[in-house]
Amino acid sequence: MNKDDAAVLKNVQKNIEMAMKAIETVEPKVQEKNLALLLADTNKRYALLHNKVVSKMVEEKIQPEKSSTMENMMLVGGITGNTLLNTSTGHLAELMIKGSNMGITDLNKTLNHHGEASKEAKEIVEELLEMEKYNLEEYKKYL
């Protein structure tokens, strides 16, 4: 594994953890059963990929990143503020869409800035990108 692989895997780990934290924050506010099921399923898929990424990092002796307390507080605070007056299904779906779009943008930047990453590391990024694109299409149904 090279330096680019480590950076790519750490970024994938961070993206997944942020997504899972967003779901954890939004889930209690969801009143629509199917959206709640979608979020639970999405969280499960994130957890499986997270385990795969962290296992690969451990195998390659790459220190997994610790979540930034400040980033977590900003994420939770942002979602809480955004849902203070509006917890409609459409609004919650819109928040999840924005989060997925931010993840897609960040992952594409990662691929562009770490061109020397191995095929395996790039495939992991692509797996998360495909998951995010799928999520976008599913969340759009609730707008």
N, C-alpha and C. Protein backbone atom coordinates (compact mmCIF):
# COMPACT_ATOMS: atom_id res chain seq x y z
N MET A 1 0.86 -1.19 0.00
CA MET A 1 0.00 0.00 0.00
C MET A 1 0.89 1.24 0.00
N ASN A 2 0.46 2.21 -0.76
CA ASN A 2 1.23 3.45 -0.82
C ASN A 2 0.52 4.56 -0.07
N LYS A 3 1.12 5.74 -0.10
CA LYS A 3 0.59 6.90 0.61
C LYS A 3 -0.81 7.27 0.10
N ASP A 4 -1.02 7.17 -1.21
CA ASP A 4 -2.33 7.49 -1.76
C ASP A 4 -3.40 6.51 -1.29
N ASP A 5 -3.03 5.24 -1.17
CA ASP A 5 -3.98 4.24 -0.67
C ASP A 5 -4.44 4.60 0.74
N ALA A 6 -3.48 4.97 1.58
CA ALA A 6 -3.82 5.33 2.96
C ALA A 6 -4.76 6.52 2.99
N ALA A 7 -4.48 7.54 2.19
CA ALA A 7 -5.32 8.73 2.16
C ALA A 7 -6.73 8.40 1.65
N VAL A 8 -6.80 7.57 0.62
CA VAL A 8 -8.09 7.19 0.05
C VAL A 8 -8.92 6.41 1.06
N LEU A 9 -8.31 5.42 1.69
CA LEU A 9 -9.06 4.60 2.65
C LEU A 9 -9.51 5.41 3.85
N LYS A 10 -8.65 6.31 4.33
CA LYS A 10 -9.03 7.17 5.46
C LYS A 10 -10.20 8.07 5.09
N ASN A 11 -10.20 8.57 3.85
CA ASN A 11 -11.30 9.43 3.44
C ASN A 11 -12.60 8.65 3.30
N VAL A 12 -12.52 7.44 2.78
CA VAL A 12 -13.72 6.60 2.69
C VAL A 12 -14.25 6.33 4.09
N GLN A 13 -13.36 5.99 5.02
CA GLN A 13 -13.77 5.75 6.40
C GLN A 13 -14.48 6.97 6.96
N LYS A 14 -13.89 8.15 6.76
CA LYS A 14 -14.48 9.39 7.28
C LYS A 14 -15.85 9.65 6.66
N ASN A 15 -15.97 9.47 5.35
CA ASN A 15 -17.24 9.69 4.66
C ASN A 15 -18.33 8.77 5.20
N ILE A 16 -18.00 7.51 5.37
CA ILE A 16 -18.99 6.56 5.87
C ILE A 16 -19.41 6.92 7.29
N GLU A 17 -18.46 7.28 8.13
CA GLU A 17 -18.79 7.62 9.52
C GLU A 17 -19.67 8.86 9.59
N MET A 18 -19.41 9.84 8.73
CA MET A 18 -20.25 11.04 8.70
C MET A 18 -21.67 10.67 8.24
N ALA A 19 -21.76 9.82 7.24
CA ALA A 19 -23.08 9.40 6.74
C ALA A 19 -23.86 8.66 7.82
N MET A 20 -23.17 7.77 8.53
CA MET A 20 -23.84 7.01 9.59
C MET A 20 -24.28 7.94 10.72
N LYS A 21 -23.48 8.95 11.03
CA LYS A 21 -23.83 9.91 12.07
C LYS A 21 -25.05 10.73 11.63
N ALA A 22 -25.09 11.09 10.35
CA ALA A 22 -26.25 11.83 9.84
C ALA A 22 -27.52 10.99 9.96
N ILE A 23 -27.43 9.72 9.58
CA ILE A 23 -28.59 8.85 9.68
C ILE A 23 -29.02 8.71 11.15
N GLU A 24 -28.05 8.52 12.02
CA GLU A 24 -28.35 8.40 13.46
C GLU A 24 -29.07 9.64 13.98
N THR A 25 -28.74 10.80 13.44
CA THR A 25 -29.34 12.06 13.88
C THR A 25 -30.72 12.28 13.27
N VAL A 26 -30.89 11.88 12.02
CA VAL A 26 -32.15 12.09 11.31
C VAL A 26 -33.20 11.04 11.68
N GLU A 27 -32.77 9.81 11.87
CA GLU A 27 -33.70 8.68 12.06
C GLU A 27 -34.80 8.92 13.10
N PRO A 28 -34.48 9.45 14.28
CA PRO A 28 -35.55 9.64 15.28
C PRO A 28 -36.63 10.64 14.84
N LYS A 29 -36.31 11.48 13.86
CA LYS A 29 -37.25 12.50 13.41
C LYS A 29 -38.16 12.00 12.28
N VAL A 30 -37.85 10.84 11.72
CA VAL A 30 -38.58 10.30 10.58
C VAL A 30 -39.90 9.71 11.04
N GLN A 31 -40.98 10.13 10.36
CA GLN A 31 -42.30 9.61 10.69
C GLN A 31 -42.83 8.67 9.61
N GLU A 32 -42.27 8.75 8.42
CA GLU A 32 -42.74 7.93 7.30
C GLU A 32 -42.02 6.57 7.36
N LYS A 33 -42.81 5.52 7.45
CA LYS A 33 -42.28 4.17 7.67
C LYS A 33 -41.26 3.74 6.61
N ASN A 34 -41.58 3.97 5.34
CA ASN A 34 -40.68 3.51 4.27
C ASN A 34 -39.36 4.26 4.26
N LEU A 35 -39.39 5.55 4.58
CA LEU A 35 -38.14 6.30 4.68
C LEU A 35 -37.32 5.79 5.86
N ALA A 36 -37.98 5.48 6.95
CA ALA A 36 -37.27 4.93 8.11
C ALA A 36 -36.60 3.59 7.75
N LEU A 37 -37.31 2.75 7.00
CA LEU A 37 -36.74 1.48 6.57
C LEU A 37 -35.57 1.69 5.63
N LEU A 38 -35.69 2.66 4.73
CA LEU A 38 -34.60 2.98 3.81
C LEU A 38 -33.36 3.43 4.58
N LEU A 39 -33.56 4.28 5.57
CA LEU A 39 -32.43 4.76 6.37
C LEU A 39 -31.77 3.61 7.13
N ALA A 40 -32.57 2.73 7.68
CA ALA A 40 -32.02 1.58 8.42
C ALA A 40 -31.22 0.68 7.48
N ASP A 41 -31.76 0.43 6.29
CA ASP A 41 -31.06 -0.40 5.32
C ASP A 41 -29.77 0.28 4.85
N THR A 42 -29.84 1.57 4.62
CA THR A 42 -28.66 2.32 4.19
C THR A 42 -27.59 2.28 5.27
N ASN A 43 -28.00 2.43 6.50
CA ASN A 43 -27.04 2.40 7.62
C ASN A 43 -26.36 1.03 7.70
N LYS A 44 -27.12 -0.01 7.46
CA LYS A 44 -26.57 -1.37 7.47
C LYS A 44 -25.53 -1.54 6.35
N ARG A 45 -25.85 -1.03 5.17
CA ARG A 45 -24.90 -1.13 4.05
C ARG A 45 -23.64 -0.32 4.33
N TYR A 46 -23.80 0.86 4.95
CA TYR A 46 -22.63 1.66 5.33
C TYR A 46 -21.78 0.89 6.33
N ALA A 47 -22.42 0.26 7.30
CA ALA A 47 -21.68 -0.48 8.34
C ALA A 47 -20.87 -1.62 7.73
N LEU A 48 -21.45 -2.32 6.77
CA LEU A 48 -20.72 -3.42 6.11
C LEU A 48 -19.50 -2.90 5.36
N LEU A 49 -19.67 -1.81 4.63
CA LEU A 49 -18.54 -1.24 3.89
C LEU A 49 -17.51 -0.66 4.86
N HIS A 50 -17.97 -0.06 5.93
CA HIS A 50 -17.06 0.48 6.94
C HIS A 50 -16.18 -0.63 7.52
N ASN A 51 -16.80 -1.76 7.83
CA ASN A 51 -16.03 -2.89 8.36
C ASN A 51 -14.98 -3.36 7.35
N LYS A 52 -15.37 -3.40 6.09
CA LYS A 52 -14.44 -3.80 5.03
C LYS A 52 -13.25 -2.84 4.94
N VAL A 53 -13.54 -1.54 5.00
CA VAL A 53 -12.49 -0.53 4.90
C VAL A 53 -11.55 -0.60 6.11
N VAL A 54 -12.12 -0.65 7.29
CA VAL A 54 -11.29 -0.69 8.50
C VAL A 54 -10.46 -1.98 8.54
N SER A 55 -11.04 -3.08 8.13
CA SER A 55 -10.29 -4.35 8.08
C SER A 55 -9.10 -4.22 7.12
N LYS A 56 -9.33 -3.59 5.98
CA LYS A 56 -8.25 -3.39 5.00
C LYS A 56 -7.18 -2.48 5.59
N MET A 57 -7.60 -1.47 6.30
CA MET A 57 -6.64 -0.54 6.91
C MET A 57 -5.79 -1.27 7.96
N VAL A 58 -6.42 -2.07 8.77
CA VAL A 58 -5.70 -2.83 9.80
C VAL A 58 -4.72 -3.81 9.14
N GLU A 59 -5.20 -4.49 8.11
CA GLU A 59 -4.37 -5.44 7.37
C GLU A 59 -3.12 -4.76 6.78
N GLU A 60 -3.29 -3.52 6.33
CA GLU A 60 -2.19 -2.78 5.72
C GLU A 60 -1.44 -1.91 6.73
N LYS A 61 -1.79 -2.06 8.01
CA LYS A 61 -1.14 -1.30 9.09
C LYS A 61 -1.31 0.22 8.92
N ILE A 62 -2.51 0.60 8.48
CA ILE A 62 -2.87 2.01 8.37
C ILE A 62 -3.74 2.34 9.58
N GLN A 63 -3.36 3.36 10.32
CA GLN A 63 -4.09 3.75 11.52
C GLN A 63 -5.44 4.36 11.12
N PRO A 64 -6.56 3.73 11.51
CA PRO A 64 -7.87 4.34 11.21
C PRO A 64 -7.98 5.71 11.86
N GLU A 65 -8.68 6.59 11.18
CA GLU A 65 -8.88 7.96 11.67
C GLU A 65 -9.88 7.97 12.82
N LYS A 66 -9.63 8.85 13.78
CA LYS A 66 -10.63 9.10 14.82
C LYS A 66 -11.55 10.20 14.31
N SER A 67 -12.83 10.02 14.53
CA SER A 67 -13.78 11.04 14.11
C SER A 67 -13.50 12.34 14.84
N SER A 68 -13.57 13.43 14.11
CA SER A 68 -13.37 14.75 14.69
C SER A 68 -14.61 15.13 15.50
N THR A 69 -14.40 15.44 16.75
CA THR A 69 -15.51 15.85 17.62
C THR A 69 -16.17 17.11 17.06
N MET A 70 -15.35 18.03 16.55
CA MET A 70 -15.89 19.28 16.01
C MET A 70 -16.75 19.01 14.78
N GLU A 71 -16.29 18.14 13.87
CA GLU A 71 -17.08 17.81 12.68
C GLU A 71 -18.39 17.14 13.07
N ASN A 72 -18.33 16.23 14.05
CA ASN A 72 -19.55 15.57 14.52
C ASN A 72 -20.53 16.57 15.12
N MET A 73 -20.01 17.50 15.92
CA MET A 73 -20.87 18.50 16.55
C MET A 73 -21.50 19.40 15.48
N MET A 74 -20.71 19.76 14.46
CA MET A 74 -21.24 20.61 13.39
C MET A 74 -22.32 19.86 12.59
N LEU A 75 -22.09 18.59 12.34
CA LEU A 75 -23.07 17.79 11.60
C LEU A 75 -24.37 17.67 12.39
N VAL A 76 -24.27 17.25 13.63
CA VAL A 76 -25.46 17.08 14.47
C VAL A 76 -26.17 18.42 14.67
N GLY A 77 -25.39 19.47 14.94
CA GLY A 77 -25.96 20.80 15.13
C GLY A 77 -26.66 21.30 13.88
N GLY A 78 -26.05 21.05 12.72
CA GLY A 78 -26.65 21.47 11.46
C GLY A 78 -27.96 20.77 11.19
N ILE A 79 -27.97 19.47 11.42
CA ILE A 79 -29.21 18.70 11.21
C ILE A 79 -30.27 19.13 12.22
N THR A 80 -29.87 19.27 13.46
CA THR A 80 -30.82 19.67 14.51
C THR A 80 -31.42 21.04 14.19
N GLY A 81 -30.56 21.99 13.80
CA GLY A 81 -31.05 23.32 13.45
C GLY A 81 -31.97 23.29 12.24
N ASN A 82 -31.62 22.47 11.26
CA ASN A 82 -32.41 22.37 10.03
C ASN A 82 -33.75 21.68 10.24
N THR A 83 -33.87 20.93 11.31
CA THR A 83 -35.12 20.20 11.55
C THR A 83 -35.90 20.74 12.75
N LEU A 84 -35.46 21.86 13.26
CA LEU A 84 -36.14 22.45 14.41
C LEU A 84 -37.60 22.75 14.11
N LEU A 85 -37.85 23.35 12.96
CA LEU A 85 -39.21 23.74 12.61
C LEU A 85 -39.83 22.89 11.52
N ASN A 86 -39.01 22.03 10.90
CA ASN A 86 -39.53 21.26 9.78
C ASN A 86 -38.96 19.84 9.82
N THR A 87 -39.79 18.90 10.18
CA THR A 87 -39.38 17.49 10.17
C THR A 87 -40.21 16.70 9.15
N SER A 88 -40.67 17.40 8.13
CA SER A 88 -41.47 16.72 7.10
C SER A 88 -40.59 15.69 6.37
N THR A 89 -41.23 14.71 5.84
CA THR A 89 -40.53 13.65 5.11
C THR A 89 -39.69 14.23 3.97
N GLY A 90 -40.28 15.15 3.22
CA GLY A 90 -39.58 15.77 2.11
C GLY A 90 -38.34 16.53 2.55
N HIS A 91 -38.44 17.24 3.66
CA HIS A 91 -37.31 18.01 4.17
C HIS A 91 -36.19 17.07 4.65
N LEU A 92 -36.56 16.01 5.33
CA LEU A 92 -35.55 15.06 5.80
C LEU A 92 -34.86 14.38 4.62
N ALA A 93 -35.65 14.04 3.60
CA ALA A 93 -35.06 13.43 2.39
C ALA A 93 -34.11 14.43 1.72
N GLU A 94 -34.49 15.68 1.69
CA GLU A 94 -33.63 16.72 1.09
C GLU A 94 -32.30 16.84 1.85
N LEU A 95 -32.36 16.78 3.16
CA LEU A 95 -31.12 16.82 3.96
C LEU A 95 -30.22 15.62 3.63
N MET A 96 -30.82 14.46 3.48
CA MET A 96 -30.03 13.26 3.15
C MET A 96 -29.46 13.37 1.74
N ILE A 97 -30.21 13.95 0.83
CA ILE A 97 -29.72 14.16 -0.54
C ILE A 97 -28.51 15.09 -0.52
N LYS A 98 -28.61 16.17 0.23
CA LYS A 98 -27.49 17.12 0.33
C LYS A 98 -26.25 16.42 0.89
N GLY A 99 -26.45 15.59 1.90
CA GLY A 99 -25.32 14.86 2.49
C GLY A 99 -24.70 13.90 1.50
N SER A 100 -25.53 13.18 0.76
CA SER A 100 -25.01 12.25 -0.25
C SER A 100 -24.25 13.00 -1.34
N ASN A 101 -24.78 14.15 -1.75
CA ASN A 101 -24.09 14.95 -2.77
C ASN A 101 -22.73 15.44 -2.26
N MET A 102 -22.67 15.85 -1.01
CA MET A 102 -21.39 16.27 -0.44
C MET A 102 -20.41 15.10 -0.42
N GLY A 103 -20.90 13.91 -0.07
CA GLY A 103 -20.05 12.73 -0.06
C GLY A 103 -19.54 12.40 -1.45
N ILE A 104 -20.41 12.47 -2.45
CA ILE A 104 -20.01 12.19 -3.83
C ILE A 104 -18.94 13.17 -4.28
N THR A 105 -19.13 14.44 -3.99
CA THR A 105 -18.14 15.46 -4.37
C THR A 105 -16.80 15.18 -3.70
N ASP A 106 -16.83 14.89 -2.42
CA ASP A 106 -15.60 14.64 -1.68
C ASP A 106 -14.88 13.38 -2.19
N LEU A 107 -15.64 12.34 -2.48
CA LEU A 107 -15.03 11.10 -2.98
C LEU A 107 -14.42 11.30 -4.37
N ASN A 108 -15.07 12.09 -5.21
CA ASN A 108 -14.50 12.37 -6.53
C ASN A 108 -13.22 13.19 -6.41
N LYS A 109 -13.19 14.13 -5.50
CA LYS A 109 -11.96 14.89 -5.25
C LYS A 109 -10.85 13.95 -4.80
N THR A 110 -11.20 13.02 -3.93
CA THR A 110 -10.23 12.06 -3.43
C THR A 110 -9.62 11.26 -4.57
N LEU A 111 -10.47 10.77 -5.46
CA LEU A 111 -9.97 10.01 -6.61
C LEU A 111 -9.06 10.88 -7.48
N ASN A 112 -9.46 12.13 -7.70
CA ASN A 112 -8.68 13.02 -8.56
C ASN A 112 -7.33 13.40 -7.95
N HIS A 113 -7.28 13.54 -6.64
CA HIS A 113 -6.05 13.97 -5.98
C HIS A 113 -5.12 12.83 -5.60
N HIS A 114 -5.60 11.60 -5.71
CA HIS A 114 -4.78 10.44 -5.31
C HIS A 114 -4.75 9.42 -6.45
N GLY A 115 -4.27 9.89 -7.58
CA GLY A 115 -4.23 9.07 -8.78
C GLY A 115 -3.32 7.86 -8.69
N GLU A 116 -2.40 7.86 -7.73
CA GLU A 116 -1.48 6.73 -7.57
C GLU A 116 -2.05 5.64 -6.66
N ALA A 117 -3.27 5.82 -6.22
CA ALA A 117 -3.89 4.80 -5.36
C ALA A 117 -4.04 3.50 -6.15
N SER A 118 -3.98 2.40 -5.44
CA SER A 118 -4.08 1.09 -6.08
C SER A 118 -5.48 0.87 -6.64
N LYS A 119 -5.58 -0.09 -7.53
CA LYS A 119 -6.87 -0.45 -8.11
C LYS A 119 -7.85 -0.85 -7.00
N GLU A 120 -7.36 -1.60 -6.03
CA GLU A 120 -8.22 -2.06 -4.92
C GLU A 120 -8.77 -0.88 -4.12
N ALA A 121 -7.94 0.10 -3.81
CA ALA A 121 -8.40 1.27 -3.05
C ALA A 121 -9.42 2.06 -3.87
N LYS A 122 -9.15 2.21 -5.16
CA LYS A 122 -10.08 2.93 -6.03
C LYS A 122 -11.42 2.20 -6.14
N GLU A 123 -11.38 0.88 -6.15
CA GLU A 123 -12.62 0.10 -6.22
C GLU A 123 -13.47 0.30 -4.97
N ILE A 124 -12.83 0.47 -3.83
CA ILE A 124 -13.57 0.73 -2.59
C ILE A 124 -14.26 2.08 -2.68
N VAL A 125 -13.55 3.08 -3.20
CA VAL A 125 -14.16 4.40 -3.40
C VAL A 125 -15.35 4.28 -4.35
N GLU A 126 -15.15 3.57 -5.44
CA GLU A 126 -16.23 3.39 -6.42
C GLU A 126 -17.43 2.69 -5.80
N GLU A 127 -17.18 1.74 -4.92
CA GLU A 127 -18.27 1.05 -4.24
C GLU A 127 -19.10 2.03 -3.41
N LEU A 128 -18.41 2.92 -2.69
CA LEU A 128 -19.14 3.91 -1.90
C LEU A 128 -19.84 4.92 -2.81
N LEU A 129 -19.20 5.31 -3.90
CA LEU A 129 -19.84 6.22 -4.85
C LEU A 129 -21.13 5.62 -5.41
N GLU A 130 -21.09 4.36 -5.78
CA GLU A 130 -22.29 3.69 -6.29
C GLU A 130 -23.39 3.65 -5.24
N MET A 131 -23.00 3.40 -4.00
CA MET A 131 -23.96 3.37 -2.90
C MET A 131 -24.61 4.75 -2.74
N GLU A 132 -23.79 5.80 -2.79
CA GLU A 132 -24.32 7.16 -2.65
C GLU A 132 -25.26 7.52 -3.80
N LYS A 133 -24.90 7.12 -5.01
CA LYS A 133 -25.76 7.41 -6.17
C LYS A 133 -27.10 6.67 -6.04
N TYR A 134 -27.05 5.45 -5.57
CA TYR A 134 -28.28 4.69 -5.32
C TYR A 134 -29.12 5.41 -4.26
N ASN A 135 -28.46 5.83 -3.18
CA ASN A 135 -29.17 6.53 -2.10
C ASN A 135 -29.88 7.77 -2.63
N LEU A 136 -29.19 8.54 -3.48
CA LEU A 136 -29.79 9.74 -4.05
C LEU A 136 -31.11 9.42 -4.75
N GLU A 137 -31.09 8.40 -5.58
CA GLU A 137 -32.29 8.03 -6.32
C GLU A 137 -33.41 7.60 -5.38
N GLU A 138 -33.06 6.89 -4.33
CA GLU A 138 -34.07 6.45 -3.37
C GLU A 138 -34.63 7.62 -2.56
N TYR A 139 -33.76 8.52 -2.11
CA TYR A 139 -34.22 9.69 -1.32
C TYR A 139 -35.11 10.60 -2.15
N LYS A 140 -34.85 10.72 -3.45
CA LYS A 140 -35.65 11.59 -4.31
C LYS A 140 -37.12 11.19 -4.30
N LYS A 141 -37.41 9.94 -4.05
CA LYS A 141 -38.80 9.46 -4.02
C LYS A 141 -39.60 10.08 -2.89
N TYR A 142 -38.91 10.68 -1.91
CA TYR A 142 -39.58 11.22 -0.72
C TYR A 142 -39.67 12.74 -0.72
N LEU A 143 -39.21 13.36 -1.80
CA LEU A 143 -39.27 14.82 -1.88
C LEU A 143 -40.71 15.33 -2.02
